[in-house]
Amino acid sequence: MEKKINCQGFSLLETLIVSIFIVGILLVLYTQYIYLQKNHDRTSHYNSVTTIYNTKQMANFLESKEASYVIENIGAGDTGFDDITTCQGLVNMDYCQTLLEVLRVKTVLLTENNPSKLIAEIRDNKTYSENIYNFLKQLDINTDKKYRLVIEYQNGELGSLNLEIG
C-alpha cells in the first residue's frame, strides 16, 4: 500500500513565497521608476541642450564686452549676485536687450560660483521664482571658476554656465 502525501500545505507555502518575491521586485521597480522620472523632469527643465546653447550666447556677450561691469557689481555689494535682466549699466545695452528678446529670457542673474547668498535671498525675500531656487540648490559648485551665469527662460527652463572672467 502506498501512502498519499498531503501536498496542499506545500503549494500554499510555495505560492506565498513566490508572491512575496514578485511584490519585492515590483517595489524595487517602482522606486527606480520614480527616481528616473524625477531625473527626467530635472534634465528636461534644467540645463537642456537648447538652454545651454542660449546661455552660452549670453555668457559670450558678458565675457567679451561686459566683464569689468560684472566683476565690479558682484564684488561691490554684500549680496554676492547681480540681476542684469534689465541690462542697466552695461556698455552695450541695446545688444543686451536684443539678445534677451531673441533668446526669450525672463531673468538673468550673475552670481559667485557658490550661489549660497542668492539662495538665502530667494528663500528669505522671495525675490525670484521657486523654480530658480530649486535649480540653484541642485547646482554642482565644485569648479575652479569664480562666477556663474544663471538664466530663467520664459518657458520655465533654466540654464547655468560658469564664466571665464576674473
C-alpha atoms as a PDB file:
ATOM      1  CA  MET A   1       0.000   0.000   0.000  1.00  0.00           C
ATOM      2  CA  GLU A   2       1.125   3.470  -0.840  1.00  0.00           C
ATOM      3  CA  LYS A   3       0.624   6.400   1.428  1.00  0.00           C
ATOM      4  CA  LYS A   4      -0.694   9.595  -0.103  1.00  0.00           C
ATOM      5  CA  ILE A   5       1.281  12.683   0.922  1.00  0.00           C
ATOM      6  CA  ASN A   6      -0.689  15.828   1.608  1.00  0.00           C
ATOM      7  CA  CYS A   7       0.784  18.472  -0.812  1.00  0.00           C
ATOM      8  CA  GLN A   8      -1.754  21.211  -0.219  1.00  0.00           C
ATOM      9  CA  GLY A   9       0.261  22.909   2.547  1.00  0.00           C
ATOM     10  CA  PHE A  10       3.398  22.870   0.420  1.00  0.00           C
ATOM     11  CA  SER A  11       1.571  24.509  -2.524  1.00  0.00           C
ATOM     12  CA  LEU A  12       0.249  27.264  -0.260  1.00  0.00           C
ATOM     13  CA  LEU A  13       3.731  27.976   1.117  1.00  0.00           C
ATOM     14  CA  GLU A  14       5.262  27.958  -2.371  1.00  0.00           C
ATOM     15  CA  THR A  15       2.606  30.401  -3.642  1.00  0.00           C
ATOM     16  CA  LEU A  16       3.207  32.708  -0.680  1.00  0.00           C
ATOM     17  CA  ILE A  17       6.993  32.763  -1.216  1.00  0.00           C
ATOM     18  CA  VAL A  18       6.652  33.478  -4.949  1.00  0.00           C
ATOM     19  CA  SER A  19       4.105  36.241  -4.262  1.00  0.00           C
ATOM     20  CA  ILE A  20       6.415  37.925  -1.757  1.00  0.00           C
ATOM     21  CA  PHE A  21       9.291  37.692  -4.237  1.00  0.00           C
ATOM     22  CA  ILE A  22       7.223  39.283  -7.030  1.00  0.00           C
ATOM     23  CA  VAL A  23       5.949  42.061  -4.738  1.00  0.00           C
ATOM     24  CA  GLY A  24       9.552  42.812  -3.761  1.00  0.00           C
ATOM     25  CA  ILE A  25      10.619  43.049  -7.394  1.00  0.00           C
ATOM     26  CA  LEU A  26       7.671  45.325  -8.221  1.00  0.00           C
ATOM     27  CA  LEU A  27       8.531  47.563  -5.268  1.00  0.00           C
ATOM     28  CA  VAL A  28      12.136  47.931  -6.445  1.00  0.00           C
ATOM     29  CA  LEU A  29      10.979  48.681  -9.994  1.00  0.00           C
ATOM     30  CA  TYR A  30       8.513  51.300  -8.759  1.00  0.00           C
ATOM     31  CA  THR A  31      11.120  53.127  -6.660  1.00  0.00           C
ATOM     32  CA  GLN A  32      13.541  53.121  -9.606  1.00  0.00           C
ATOM     33  CA  TYR A  33      10.808  54.455 -11.887  1.00  0.00           C
ATOM     34  CA  ILE A  34      10.114  57.348  -9.501  1.00  0.00           C
ATOM     35  CA  TYR A  35      13.832  58.163  -9.376  1.00  0.00           C
ATOM     36  CA  LEU A  36      14.150  58.043 -13.178  1.00  0.00           C
ATOM     37  CA  GLN A  37      11.039  60.194 -13.632  1.00  0.00           C
ATOM     38  CA  LYS A  38      12.410  62.812 -11.227  1.00  0.00           C
ATOM     39  CA  ASN A  39      15.760  62.896 -13.067  1.00  0.00           C
ATOM     40  CA  HIS A  40      13.993  63.142 -16.428  1.00  0.00           C
ATOM     41  CA  ASP A  41      11.927  66.098 -15.248  1.00  0.00           C
ATOM     42  CA  ARG A  42      15.045  67.779 -13.895  1.00  0.00           C
ATOM     43  CA  THR A  43      17.081  67.319 -17.072  1.00  0.00           C
ATOM     44  CA  SER A  44      14.252  68.409 -19.334  1.00  0.00           C
ATOM     45  CA  HIS A  45      13.898  71.726 -17.472  1.00  0.00           C
ATOM     46  CA  TYR A  46      17.419  72.264 -16.149  1.00  0.00           C
ATOM     47  CA  ASN A  47      20.394  72.695 -18.482  1.00  0.00           C
ATOM     48  CA  SER A  48      18.873  71.133 -21.582  1.00  0.00           C
ATOM     49  CA  VAL A  49      20.827  71.379 -24.826  1.00  0.00           C
ATOM     50  CA  THR A  50      18.840  74.400 -26.011  1.00  0.00           C
ATOM     51  CA  THR A  51      19.174  76.294 -22.753  1.00  0.00           C
ATOM     52  CA  ILE A  52      22.909  75.582 -22.531  1.00  0.00           C
ATOM     53  CA  TYR A  53      23.386  76.896 -26.075  1.00  0.00           C
ATOM     54  CA  ASN A  54      21.339  80.030 -25.347  1.00  0.00           C
ATOM     55  CA  THR A  55      23.074  80.564 -22.010  1.00  0.00           C
ATOM     56  CA  LYS A  56      26.428  80.284 -23.782  1.00  0.00           C
ATOM     57  CA  GLN A  57      25.377  83.093 -26.135  1.00  0.00           C
ATOM     58  CA  MET A  58      24.739  85.373 -23.172  1.00  0.00           C
ATOM     59  CA  ALA A  59      27.963  84.226 -21.477  1.00  0.00           C
ATOM     60  CA  ASN A  60      29.969  85.045 -24.620  1.00  0.00           C
ATOM     61  CA  PHE A  61      28.490  88.550 -24.634  1.00  0.00           C
ATOM     62  CA  LEU A  62      29.298  89.122 -20.968  1.00  0.00           C
ATOM     63  CA  GLU A  63      32.812  87.682 -21.215  1.00  0.00           C
ATOM     64  CA  SER A  64      33.756  89.757 -24.239  1.00  0.00           C
ATOM     65  CA  LYS A  65      32.102  93.116 -23.587  1.00  0.00           C
ATOM     66  CA  GLU A  66      30.965  93.420 -20.018  1.00  0.00           C
ATOM     67  CA  ALA A  67      33.493  91.577 -17.845  1.00  0.00           C
ATOM     68  CA  SER A  68      34.569  94.590 -15.805  1.00  0.00           C
ATOM     69  CA  TYR A  69      30.953  95.560 -15.070  1.00  0.00           C
ATOM     70  CA  VAL A  70      30.163  92.044 -13.917  1.00  0.00           C
ATOM     71  CA  ILE A  71      33.129  91.870 -11.575  1.00  0.00           C
ATOM     72  CA  GLU A  72      32.513  95.329 -10.099  1.00  0.00           C
ATOM     73  CA  ASN A  73      28.818  94.782  -9.391  1.00  0.00           C
ATOM     74  CA  ILE A  74      29.104  91.338  -7.895  1.00  0.00           C
ATOM     75  CA  GLY A  75      32.000  92.391  -5.689  1.00  0.00           C
ATOM     76  CA  ALA A  76      30.524  95.786  -4.777  1.00  0.00           C
ATOM     77  CA  GLY A  77      27.698  94.634  -2.549  1.00  0.00           C
ATOM     78  CA  ASP A  78      27.242  92.057   0.117  1.00  0.00           C
ATOM     79  CA  THR A  79      24.673  90.202  -1.971  1.00  0.00           C
ATOM     80  CA  GLY A  80      27.077  88.012  -3.965  1.00  0.00           C
ATOM     81  CA  PHE A  81      24.935  88.318  -7.088  1.00  0.00           C
ATOM     82  CA  ASP A  82      23.667  90.842  -9.618  1.00  0.00           C
ATOM     83  CA  ASP A  83      20.428  90.863 -11.615  1.00  0.00           C
ATOM     84  CA  ILE A  84      21.112  92.097 -15.152  1.00  0.00           C
ATOM     85  CA  THR A  85      17.694  91.292 -16.625  1.00  0.00           C
ATOM     86  CA  THR A  86      17.154  94.972 -17.498  1.00  0.00           C
ATOM     87  CA  CYS A  87      20.702  95.389 -18.937  1.00  0.00           C
ATOM     88  CA  GLN A  88      21.077  98.605 -16.898  1.00  0.00           C
ATOM     89  CA  GLY A  89      24.667  99.766 -16.654  1.00  0.00           C
ATOM     90  CA  LEU A  90      26.002  97.503 -19.370  1.00  0.00           C
ATOM     91  CA  VAL A  91      28.165  99.156 -22.020  1.00  0.00           C
ATOM     92  CA  ASN A  92      26.273  97.636 -24.947  1.00  0.00           C
ATOM     93  CA  MET A  93      22.753  97.868 -23.531  1.00  0.00           C
ATOM     94  CA  ASP A  94      20.939  97.726 -26.897  1.00  0.00           C
ATOM     95  CA  TYR A  95      22.655  94.492 -27.900  1.00  0.00           C
ATOM     96  CA  CYS A  96      21.930  93.015 -24.463  1.00  0.00           C
ATOM     97  CA  GLN A  97      18.216  93.821 -24.713  1.00  0.00           C
ATOM     98  CA  THR A  98      18.026  92.406 -28.243  1.00  0.00           C
ATOM     99  CA  LEU A  99      19.787  89.252 -27.088  1.00  0.00           C
ATOM    100  CA  LEU A 100      17.350  88.839 -24.198  1.00  0.00           C
ATOM    101  CA  GLU A 101      14.352  89.265 -26.522  1.00  0.00           C
ATOM    102  CA  VAL A 102      15.642  86.825 -29.130  1.00  0.00           C
ATOM    103  CA  LEU A 103      16.533  84.199 -26.528  1.00  0.00           C
ATOM    104  CA  ARG A 104      13.189  84.744 -24.726  1.00  0.00           C
ATOM    105  CA  VAL A 105      14.845  85.321 -21.366  1.00  0.00           C
ATOM    106  CA  LYS A 106      12.846  86.030 -18.229  1.00  0.00           C
ATOM    107  CA  THR A 107      15.625  86.513 -15.636  1.00  0.00           C
ATOM    108  CA  VAL A 108      19.430  86.825 -15.873  1.00  0.00           C
ATOM    109  CA  LEU A 109      21.463  86.502 -12.699  1.00  0.00           C
ATOM    110  CA  LEU A 110      25.215  86.737 -12.259  1.00  0.00           C
ATOM    111  CA  THR A 111      26.439  85.185  -9.065  1.00  0.00           C
ATOM    112  CA  GLU A 112      29.511  83.891  -7.389  1.00  0.00           C
ATOM    113  CA  ASN A 113      30.199  80.262  -8.214  1.00  0.00           C
ATOM    114  CA  ASN A 114      28.757  79.283  -4.853  1.00  0.00           C
ATOM    115  CA  PRO A 115      25.257  80.812  -5.015  1.00  0.00           C
ATOM    116  CA  SER A 116      24.541  80.429  -1.284  1.00  0.00           C
ATOM    117  CA  LYS A 117      23.869  84.166  -0.836  1.00  0.00           C
ATOM    118  CA  LEU A 118      21.429  84.147  -3.740  1.00  0.00           C
ATOM    119  CA  ILE A 119      19.707  81.044  -2.360  1.00  0.00           C
ATOM    120  CA  ALA A 120      19.330  82.772   1.014  1.00  0.00           C
ATOM    121  CA  GLU A 121      17.937  85.898  -0.688  1.00  0.00           C
ATOM    122  CA  ILE A 122      15.324  83.894  -2.578  1.00  0.00           C
ATOM    123  CA  ARG A 123      14.397  81.864   0.494  1.00  0.00           C
ATOM    124  CA  ASP A 124      14.060  84.919   2.744  1.00  0.00           C
ATOM    125  CA  ASN A 125      12.600  87.551   0.413  1.00  0.00           C
ATOM    126  CA  LYS A 126      11.010  85.526  -2.403  1.00  0.00           C
ATOM    127  CA  THR A 127      12.586  87.924  -4.927  1.00  0.00           C
ATOM    128  CA  TYR A 128      12.819  85.278  -7.653  1.00  0.00           C
ATOM    129  CA  SER A 129      10.782  82.237  -8.609  1.00  0.00           C
ATOM    130  CA  GLU A 130      10.687  78.967  -6.723  1.00  0.00           C
ATOM    131  CA  ASN A 131      11.945  77.381  -9.944  1.00  0.00           C
ATOM    132  CA  ILE A 132      15.242  79.298  -9.711  1.00  0.00           C
ATOM    133  CA  TYR A 133      15.513  78.446  -6.005  1.00  0.00           C
ATOM    134  CA  ASN A 134      15.180  74.700  -6.669  1.00  0.00           C
ATOM    135  CA  PHE A 135      17.618  74.928  -9.574  1.00  0.00           C
ATOM    136  CA  LEU A 136      20.283  76.699  -7.537  1.00  0.00           C
ATOM    137  CA  LYS A 137      20.065  74.133  -4.733  1.00  0.00           C
ATOM    138  CA  GLN A 138      20.991  71.287  -7.083  1.00  0.00           C
ATOM    139  CA  LEU A 139      23.916  73.001  -8.890  1.00  0.00           C
ATOM    140  CA  ASP A 140      27.392  71.499  -8.730  1.00  0.00           C
ATOM    141  CA  ILE A 141      29.647  74.186  -7.278  1.00  0.00           C
ATOM    142  CA  ASN A 142      32.876  72.178  -7.264  1.00  0.00           C
ATOM    143  CA  THR A 143      34.626  74.094 -10.025  1.00  0.00           C
ATOM    144  CA  ASP A 144      37.593  76.430 -10.095  1.00  0.00           C
ATOM    145  CA  LYS A 145      35.595  79.223 -11.747  1.00  0.00           C
ATOM    146  CA  LYS A 146      34.717  82.335  -9.760  1.00  0.00           C
ATOM    147  CA  TYR A 147      31.415  83.390 -11.343  1.00  0.00           C
ATOM    148  CA  ARG A 148      28.267  81.743 -12.638  1.00  0.00           C
ATOM    149  CA  LEU A 149      25.548  82.870 -15.047  1.00  0.00           C
ATOM    150  CA  VAL A 150      22.013  81.650 -14.263  1.00  0.00           C
ATOM    151  CA  ILE A 151      19.203  82.280 -16.758  1.00  0.00           C
ATOM    152  CA  GLU A 152      15.491  81.538 -16.452  1.00  0.00           C
ATOM    153  CA  TYR A 153      13.686  81.433 -19.788  1.00  0.00           C
ATOM    154  CA  GLN A 154      10.080  82.390 -20.424  1.00  0.00           C
ATOM    155  CA  ASN A 155       9.116  78.741 -20.984  1.00  0.00           C
ATOM    156  CA  GLY A 156      10.257  77.871 -17.432  1.00  0.00           C
ATOM    157  CA  GLU A 157      13.531  76.201 -18.387  1.00  0.00           C
ATOM    158  CA  LEU A 158      16.776  77.159 -16.652  1.00  0.00           C
ATOM    159  CA  GLY A 159      20.387  77.182 -17.717  1.00  0.00           C
ATOM    160  CA  SER A 160      23.653  77.826 -15.912  1.00  0.00           C
ATOM    161  CA  LEU A 161      27.257  78.175 -17.013  1.00  0.00           C
ATOM    162  CA  ASN A 162      30.468  79.190 -15.311  1.00  0.00           C
ATOM    163  CA  LEU A 163      32.008  82.407 -16.624  1.00  0.00           C
ATOM    164  CA  GLU A 164      35.604  82.694 -17.775  1.00  0.00           C
ATOM    165  CA  ILE A 165      36.194  86.103 -16.203  1.00  0.00           C
ATOM    166  CA  GLY A 166      38.095  87.361 -13.218  1.00  0.00           C
END
